[in-house]
Amino acid sequence: ALGSLLSYDLPSASSYSKGSWDNIANGNVSYPGLASFASLSSRVQLYYIMKIKYLTSLLLFLTLLAYSTWAKPSSGPSAGLEELFPGKLLDSDGKEVSKDALAGKTVGIYFSAHWCPPCRSFTPNLVKFRDKNKKNFEVVFVSSDRSPEAQMDYMKEAGMKWYTLPHRSDEANALAKKFEVRGIPSLVIVSEDGKTITKNGRGDVSSNPKGALKSWQKKS
């Protein structure tokens, strides 16, 4: 059908009367061949318009797909945090959880124990601070309690909804050594990259609970 539309015979000059030639001169031409050509031209134009629209939409889709893949941030913690917490991370029920919970957050490493009166005094303030800022701040509890049971009981009693390390684990002892913890309670603040911001997190939370997090973030 397309071949027949592309090849047709134009009428011979002898087949036109003077009136017909006048119509041609005035642009008033009407015969099946030209009508078919005009119809074909419209369909060809429509085909290419639709093809261009399809290719444009496809290109846009691929561009957005590539951008979403490249721009998507990593869901896991930084290498710095992985180095600080290489072992298990537990919740307040003692169940192991993914360290992805720390990704992108400022982290407070809290050295504390239930038997310590100053700890029991400061912990409620830290619980309130953490719960208010949990979108950008998380706590990892390093226990100096006398047993794993005492550690978990302390977390439940104080309403600690944050995370902890296994009781007296090598990782917990390594953190105490790294940050030279000499007494408790002690709150060390590290950035989302695992870099130390301050060892005086306890003082910051106590004196400036509304502005402490912003102050740490500016220093990170």
C-alpha atoms as a PDB file:
ATOM      1  CA  ALA A   1       0.000   0.000   0.000  1.00  0.00           C
ATOM      2  CA  LEU A   2       2.858   2.357   0.888  1.00  0.00           C
ATOM      3  CA  GLY A   3       4.547   1.607  -2.449  1.00  0.00           C
ATOM      4  CA  SER A   4       1.431   2.460  -4.356  1.00  0.00           C
ATOM      5  CA  LEU A   5       1.181   5.760  -2.539  1.00  0.00           C
ATOM      6  CA  LEU A   6       4.771   6.672  -3.254  1.00  0.00           C
ATOM      7  CA  SER A   7       4.540   5.871  -6.995  1.00  0.00           C
ATOM      8  CA  TYR A   8       1.661   7.230  -8.978  1.00  0.00           C
ATOM      9  CA  ASP A   9       1.292   8.675 -12.464  1.00  0.00           C
ATOM     10  CA  LEU A  10       0.697  12.362 -12.876  1.00  0.00           C
ATOM     11  CA  PRO A  11      -1.969  13.158 -15.496  1.00  0.00           C
ATOM     12  CA  SER A  12      -0.662  14.171 -18.869  1.00  0.00           C
ATOM     13  CA  ALA A  13      -0.898  17.764 -19.916  1.00  0.00           C
ATOM     14  CA  SER A  14      -3.273  16.813 -22.737  1.00  0.00           C
ATOM     15  CA  SER A  15      -5.828  15.480 -20.297  1.00  0.00           C
ATOM     16  CA  TYR A  16      -6.467  18.933 -18.865  1.00  0.00           C
ATOM     17  CA  SER A  17      -8.722  21.548 -20.306  1.00  0.00           C
ATOM     18  CA  LYS A  18      -7.934  25.249 -20.151  1.00  0.00           C
ATOM     19  CA  GLY A  19     -10.163  25.489 -17.108  1.00  0.00           C
ATOM     20  CA  SER A  20      -8.232  22.732 -15.397  1.00  0.00           C
ATOM     21  CA  TRP A  21      -4.929  24.531 -15.986  1.00  0.00           C
ATOM     22  CA  ASP A  22      -6.472  27.695 -14.561  1.00  0.00           C
ATOM     23  CA  ASN A  23      -7.415  25.781 -11.421  1.00  0.00           C
ATOM     24  CA  ILE A  24      -3.856  24.467 -11.095  1.00  0.00           C
ATOM     25  CA  ALA A  25      -2.458  27.977 -11.535  1.00  0.00           C
ATOM     26  CA  ASN A  26      -4.764  29.226  -8.783  1.00  0.00           C
ATOM     27  CA  GLY A  27      -3.783  26.377  -6.451  1.00  0.00           C
ATOM     28  CA  ASN A  28      -7.117  24.597  -6.765  1.00  0.00           C
ATOM     29  CA  VAL A  29      -5.805  21.138  -7.633  1.00  0.00           C
ATOM     30  CA  SER A  30      -7.917  18.120  -6.838  1.00  0.00           C
ATOM     31  CA  TYR A  31      -7.152  14.665  -8.131  1.00  0.00           C
ATOM     32  CA  PRO A  32      -6.586  11.293  -6.343  1.00  0.00           C
ATOM     33  CA  GLY A  33      -2.795  11.221  -6.732  1.00  0.00           C
ATOM     34  CA  LEU A  34      -2.130  14.473  -4.918  1.00  0.00           C
ATOM     35  CA  ALA A  35      -4.736  13.704  -2.253  1.00  0.00           C
ATOM     36  CA  SER A  36      -3.036  10.383  -1.560  1.00  0.00           C
ATOM     37  CA  PHE A  37       0.366  12.092  -1.343  1.00  0.00           C
ATOM     38  CA  ALA A  38      -0.975  14.671   1.108  1.00  0.00           C
ATOM     39  CA  SER A  39      -2.469  11.904   3.254  1.00  0.00           C
ATOM     40  CA  LEU A  40       0.832  10.000   3.208  1.00  0.00           C
ATOM     41  CA  SER A  41       2.766  13.114   4.164  1.00  0.00           C
ATOM     42  CA  SER A  42       0.513  13.675   7.176  1.00  0.00           C
ATOM     43  CA  ARG A  43       0.940  10.091   8.337  1.00  0.00           C
ATOM     44  CA  VAL A  44       4.700  10.245   7.954  1.00  0.00           C
ATOM     45  CA  GLN A  45       4.833  13.476   9.948  1.00  0.00           C
ATOM     46  CA  LEU A  46       2.667  11.948  12.665  1.00  0.00           C
ATOM     47  CA  TYR A  47       4.896   8.856  12.783  1.00  0.00           C
ATOM     48  CA  TYR A  48       8.053  10.881  13.295  1.00  0.00           C
ATOM     49  CA  ILE A  49       6.394  13.136  15.871  1.00  0.00           C
ATOM     50  CA  MET A  50       5.307  10.093  17.889  1.00  0.00           C
ATOM     51  CA  LYS A  51       8.751   8.552  17.533  1.00  0.00           C
ATOM     52  CA  ILE A  52      10.451  11.718  18.773  1.00  0.00           C
ATOM     53  CA  LYS A  53       8.077  11.895  21.745  1.00  0.00           C
ATOM     54  CA  TYR A  54       8.769   8.256  22.597  1.00  0.00           C
ATOM     55  CA  LEU A  55      12.540   8.669  22.389  1.00  0.00           C
ATOM     56  CA  THR A  56      12.375  11.865  24.465  1.00  0.00           C
ATOM     57  CA  SER A  57      10.331  10.126  27.167  1.00  0.00           C
ATOM     58  CA  LEU A  58      12.698   7.151  27.135  1.00  0.00           C
ATOM     59  CA  LEU A  59      15.733   9.404  27.466  1.00  0.00           C
ATOM     60  CA  LEU A  60      14.136  11.286  30.352  1.00  0.00           C
ATOM     61  CA  PHE A  61      13.295   8.033  32.123  1.00  0.00           C
ATOM     62  CA  LEU A  62      16.834   6.676  31.742  1.00  0.00           C
ATOM     63  CA  THR A  63      18.291   9.966  32.955  1.00  0.00           C
ATOM     64  CA  LEU A  64      16.119   9.950  36.082  1.00  0.00           C
ATOM     65  CA  LEU A  65      16.913   6.292  36.716  1.00  0.00           C
ATOM     66  CA  ALA A  66      20.644   6.910  36.457  1.00  0.00           C
ATOM     67  CA  TYR A  67      20.432   9.962  38.727  1.00  0.00           C
ATOM     68  CA  SER A  68      18.454   8.110  41.392  1.00  0.00           C
ATOM     69  CA  THR A  69      21.047   5.337  41.368  1.00  0.00           C
ATOM     70  CA  TRP A  70      24.069   7.645  41.560  1.00  0.00           C
ATOM     71  CA  ALA A  71      22.563  10.127  44.016  1.00  0.00           C
ATOM     72  CA  LYS A  72      21.158   7.567  46.439  1.00  0.00           C
ATOM     73  CA  PRO A  73      23.195   7.792  49.639  1.00  0.00           C
ATOM     74  CA  SER A  74      24.604   4.695  51.240  1.00  0.00           C
ATOM     75  CA  SER A  75      22.273   3.250  53.858  1.00  0.00           C
ATOM     76  CA  GLY A  76      25.109   1.765  55.909  1.00  0.00           C
ATOM     77  CA  PRO A  77      27.291   3.486  58.511  1.00  0.00           C
ATOM     78  CA  SER A  78      30.507   5.189  57.514  1.00  0.00           C
ATOM     79  CA  ALA A  79      33.846   3.416  57.595  1.00  0.00           C
ATOM     80  CA  GLY A  80      34.735   5.500  60.659  1.00  0.00           C
ATOM     81  CA  LEU A  81      31.733   4.236  62.613  1.00  0.00           C
ATOM     82  CA  GLU A  82      32.369   0.682  61.433  1.00  0.00           C
ATOM     83  CA  GLU A  83      35.865   0.993  62.884  1.00  0.00           C
ATOM     84  CA  LEU A  84      34.523   2.213  66.231  1.00  0.00           C
ATOM     85  CA  PHE A  85      31.851  -0.500  66.411  1.00  0.00           C
ATOM     86  CA  PRO A  86      33.245  -3.551  64.586  1.00  0.00           C
ATOM     87  CA  GLY A  87      31.333  -6.089  66.642  1.00  0.00           C
ATOM     88  CA  LYS A  88      27.691  -6.674  67.502  1.00  0.00           C
ATOM     89  CA  LEU A  89      25.271  -3.837  68.159  1.00  0.00           C
ATOM     90  CA  LEU A  90      22.392  -4.730  70.501  1.00  0.00           C
ATOM     91  CA  ASP A  91      19.044  -3.142  71.300  1.00  0.00           C
ATOM     92  CA  SER A  92      17.580  -2.767  74.799  1.00  0.00           C
ATOM     93  CA  ASP A  93      16.248  -6.344  74.593  1.00  0.00           C
ATOM     94  CA  GLY A  94      19.711  -7.719  73.912  1.00  0.00           C
ATOM     95  CA  LYS A  95      18.922  -8.552  70.290  1.00  0.00           C
ATOM     96  CA  GLU A  96      21.466  -7.864  67.582  1.00  0.00           C
ATOM     97  CA  VAL A  97      20.493  -5.047  65.220  1.00  0.00           C
ATOM     98  CA  SER A  98      21.948  -3.620  62.040  1.00  0.00           C
ATOM     99  CA  LYS A  99      24.483  -0.845  62.399  1.00  0.00           C
ATOM    100  CA  ASP A 100      22.577   0.953  59.656  1.00  0.00           C
ATOM    101  CA  ALA A 101      20.694   2.526  62.591  1.00  0.00           C
ATOM    102  CA  LEU A 102      23.741   4.746  63.141  1.00  0.00           C
ATOM    103  CA  ALA A 103      24.175   5.845  59.537  1.00  0.00           C
ATOM    104  CA  GLY A 104      24.148   9.588  58.949  1.00  0.00           C
ATOM    105  CA  LYS A 105      23.835  10.444  62.649  1.00  0.00           C
ATOM    106  CA  THR A 106      25.923  12.111  65.300  1.00  0.00           C
ATOM    107  CA  VAL A 107      26.625   9.416  67.908  1.00  0.00           C
ATOM    108  CA  GLY A 108      27.067   9.667  71.642  1.00  0.00           C
ATOM    109  CA  ILE A 109      29.113   6.870  73.225  1.00  0.00           C
ATOM    110  CA  TYR A 110      27.783   6.656  76.764  1.00  0.00           C
ATOM    111  CA  PHE A 111      29.931   5.057  79.465  1.00  0.00           C
ATOM    112  CA  SER A 112      27.698   4.390  82.448  1.00  0.00           C
ATOM    113  CA  ALA A 113      26.404   1.871  85.007  1.00  0.00           C
ATOM    114  CA  HIS A 114      23.389   1.476  87.270  1.00  0.00           C
ATOM    115  CA  TRP A 115      25.467   1.204  90.459  1.00  0.00           C
ATOM    116  CA  CYS A 116      26.872   4.709  89.809  1.00  0.00           C
ATOM    117  CA  PRO A 117      24.730   7.459  91.491  1.00  0.00           C
ATOM    118  CA  PRO A 118      25.923  10.278  89.179  1.00  0.00           C
ATOM    119  CA  CYS A 119      25.045   8.045  86.217  1.00  0.00           C
ATOM    120  CA  ARG A 120      21.515   7.466  87.490  1.00  0.00           C
ATOM    121  CA  SER A 121      21.196  11.235  87.894  1.00  0.00           C
ATOM    122  CA  PHE A 122      22.394  12.122  84.376  1.00  0.00           C
ATOM    123  CA  THR A 123      20.820   9.256  82.402  1.00  0.00           C
ATOM    124  CA  PRO A 124      17.215  10.635  82.469  1.00  0.00           C
ATOM    125  CA  ASN A 125      18.489  13.892  80.947  1.00  0.00           C
ATOM    126  CA  LEU A 126      20.286  11.987  78.197  1.00  0.00           C
ATOM    127  CA  VAL A 127      17.192   9.876  77.525  1.00  0.00           C
ATOM    128  CA  LYS A 128      15.104  13.034  77.001  1.00  0.00           C
ATOM    129  CA  PHE A 129      17.814  14.588  74.840  1.00  0.00           C
ATOM    130  CA  ARG A 130      18.191  11.524  72.646  1.00  0.00           C
ATOM    131  CA  ASP A 131      14.454  10.966  72.215  1.00  0.00           C
ATOM    132  CA  LYS A 132      13.971  14.603  71.201  1.00  0.00           C
ATOM    133  CA  ASN A 133      16.817  14.469  68.659  1.00  0.00           C
ATOM    134  CA  LYS A 134      16.642  10.817  67.549  1.00  0.00           C
ATOM    135  CA  LYS A 135      16.338  11.762  63.882  1.00  0.00           C
ATOM    136  CA  ASN A 136      19.927  13.065  63.869  1.00  0.00           C
ATOM    137  CA  PHE A 137      21.423  11.697  67.082  1.00  0.00           C
ATOM    138  CA  GLU A 138      21.873   8.227  68.531  1.00  0.00           C
ATOM    139  CA  VAL A 139      23.473   6.752  71.634  1.00  0.00           C
ATOM    140  CA  VAL A 140      25.581   3.629  72.050  1.00  0.00           C
ATOM    141  CA  PHE A 141      25.768   2.517  75.677  1.00  0.00           C
ATOM    142  CA  VAL A 142      29.014   1.031  76.992  1.00  0.00           C
ATOM    143  CA  SER A 143      28.116  -0.620  80.270  1.00  0.00           C
ATOM    144  CA  SER A 144      30.222  -0.912  83.390  1.00  0.00           C
ATOM    145  CA  ASP A 145      27.499  -2.906  85.136  1.00  0.00           C
ATOM    146  CA  ARG A 146      28.440  -6.033  87.028  1.00  0.00           C
ATOM    147  CA  SER A 147      26.650  -8.440  84.681  1.00  0.00           C
ATOM    148  CA  PRO A 148      24.825  -8.602  81.349  1.00  0.00           C
ATOM    149  CA  GLU A 149      21.553  -8.938  83.258  1.00  0.00           C
ATOM    150  CA  ALA A 150      22.249  -5.780  85.259  1.00  0.00           C
ATOM    151  CA  GLN A 151      23.093  -3.978  82.012  1.00  0.00           C
ATOM    152  CA  MET A 152      19.772  -4.899  80.380  1.00  0.00           C
ATOM    153  CA  ASP A 153      17.811  -4.140  83.579  1.00  0.00           C
ATOM    154  CA  TYR A 154      19.409  -0.681  83.728  1.00  0.00           C
ATOM    155  CA  MET A 155      18.420   0.031  80.125  1.00  0.00           C
ATOM    156  CA  LYS A 156      14.805  -0.997  80.713  1.00  0.00           C
ATOM    157  CA  GLU A 157      14.510   0.832  84.030  1.00  0.00           C
ATOM    158  CA  ALA A 158      15.876   4.083  82.595  1.00  0.00           C
ATOM    159  CA  GLY A 159      13.866   3.863  79.363  1.00  0.00           C
ATOM    160  CA  MET A 160      16.942   3.685  77.146  1.00  0.00           C
ATOM    161  CA  LYS A 161      15.643   3.162  73.599  1.00  0.00           C
ATOM    162  CA  TRP A 162      19.114   3.330  72.138  1.00  0.00           C
ATOM    163  CA  TYR A 163      21.776   0.682  71.482  1.00  0.00           C
ATOM    164  CA  THR A 164      24.529  -1.014  73.402  1.00  0.00           C
ATOM    165  CA  LEU A 165      27.541  -3.309  73.061  1.00  0.00           C
ATOM    166  CA  PRO A 166      27.817  -6.777  74.582  1.00  0.00           C
ATOM    167  CA  HIS A 167      28.737  -6.594  78.265  1.00  0.00           C
ATOM    168  CA  ARG A 168      32.467  -6.118  78.858  1.00  0.00           C
ATOM    169  CA  SER A 169      33.206  -7.133  75.269  1.00  0.00           C
ATOM    170  CA  ASP A 170      36.564  -6.509  73.641  1.00  0.00           C
ATOM    171  CA  GLU A 171      34.949  -3.755  71.549  1.00  0.00           C
ATOM    172  CA  ALA A 172      33.577  -2.048  74.679  1.00  0.00           C
ATOM    173  CA  ASN A 173      36.949  -2.213  76.423  1.00  0.00           C
ATOM    174  CA  ALA A 174      38.683  -0.882  73.311  1.00  0.00           C
ATOM    175  CA  LEU A 175      36.414   2.183  73.271  1.00  0.00           C
ATOM    176  CA  ALA A 176      37.106   2.934  76.941  1.00  0.00           C
ATOM    177  CA  LYS A 177      40.822   2.714  76.207  1.00  0.00           C
ATOM    178  CA  LYS A 178      40.647   4.766  73.005  1.00  0.00           C
ATOM    179  CA  PHE A 179      38.830   7.656  74.683  1.00  0.00           C
ATOM    180  CA  GLU A 180      40.801   7.338  77.932  1.00  0.00           C
ATOM    181  CA  VAL A 181      37.710   7.043  80.112  1.00  0.00           C
ATOM    182  CA  ARG A 182      38.760   7.475  83.730  1.00  0.00           C
ATOM    183  CA  GLY A 183      35.360   7.816  85.352  1.00  0.00           C
ATOM    184  CA  ILE A 184      31.640   7.544  84.675  1.00  0.00           C
ATOM    185  CA  PRO A 185      29.281   8.863  83.520  1.00  0.00           C
ATOM    186  CA  SER A 186      31.140   9.920  80.397  1.00  0.00           C
ATOM    187  CA  LEU A 187      29.616  10.881  77.052  1.00  0.00           C
ATOM    188  CA  VAL A 188      31.901  11.018  74.019  1.00  0.00           C
ATOM    189  CA  ILE A 189      30.426  12.598  70.894  1.00  0.00           C
ATOM    190  CA  VAL A 190      31.548  11.451  67.444  1.00  0.00           C
ATOM    191  CA  SER A 191      30.463  12.584  63.983  1.00  0.00           C
ATOM    192  CA  GLU A 192      28.693  10.430  61.410  1.00  0.00           C
ATOM    193  CA  ASP A 193      32.190   9.765  60.021  1.00  0.00           C
ATOM    194  CA  GLY A 194      33.403   8.461  63.375  1.00  0.00           C
ATOM    195  CA  LYS A 195      35.587  11.477  64.168  1.00  0.00           C
ATOM    196  CA  THR A 196      35.741  12.689  67.756  1.00  0.00           C
ATOM    197  CA  ILE A 197      33.884  15.983  68.310  1.00  0.00           C
ATOM    198  CA  THR A 198      34.100  16.248  72.097  1.00  0.00           C
ATOM    199  CA  LYS A 199      34.613  14.141  75.198  1.00  0.00           C
ATOM    200  CA  ASN A 200      32.473  16.541  77.207  1.00  0.00           C
ATOM    201  CA  GLY A 201      29.097  15.529  75.857  1.00  0.00           C
ATOM    202  CA  ARG A 202      27.765  15.193  79.386  1.00  0.00           C
ATOM    203  CA  GLY A 203      28.533  18.831  80.131  1.00  0.00           C
ATOM    204  CA  ASP A 204      27.041  19.994  76.824  1.00  0.00           C
ATOM    205  CA  VAL A 205      23.778  18.101  77.345  1.00  0.00           C
ATOM    206  CA  SER A 206      23.504  19.333  80.929  1.00  0.00           C
ATOM    207  CA  SER A 207      24.249  23.007  80.201  1.00  0.00           C
ATOM    208  CA  ASN A 208      22.809  23.438  76.714  1.00  0.00           C
ATOM    209  CA  PRO A 209      20.242  20.734  75.889  1.00  0.00           C
ATOM    210  CA  LYS A 210      18.556  22.837  73.175  1.00  0.00           C
ATOM    211  CA  GLY A 211      21.709  23.807  71.315  1.00  0.00           C
ATOM    212  CA  ALA A 212      24.158  20.981  71.982  1.00  0.00           C
ATOM    213  CA  LEU A 213      23.394  18.957  68.855  1.00  0.00           C
ATOM    214  CA  LYS A 214      23.713  21.948  66.516  1.00  0.00           C
ATOM    215  CA  SER A 215      26.981  22.860  68.172  1.00  0.00           C
ATOM    216  CA  TRP A 216      28.348  19.350  67.606  1.00  0.00           C
ATOM    217  CA  GLN A 217      27.172  19.286  64.004  1.00  0.00           C
ATOM    218  CA  LYS A 218      29.015  22.553  63.288  1.00  0.00           C
ATOM    219  CA  LYS A 219      32.224  21.009  64.616  1.00  0.00           C
ATOM    220  CA  SER A 220      31.884  17.766  62.644  1.00  0.00           C
END
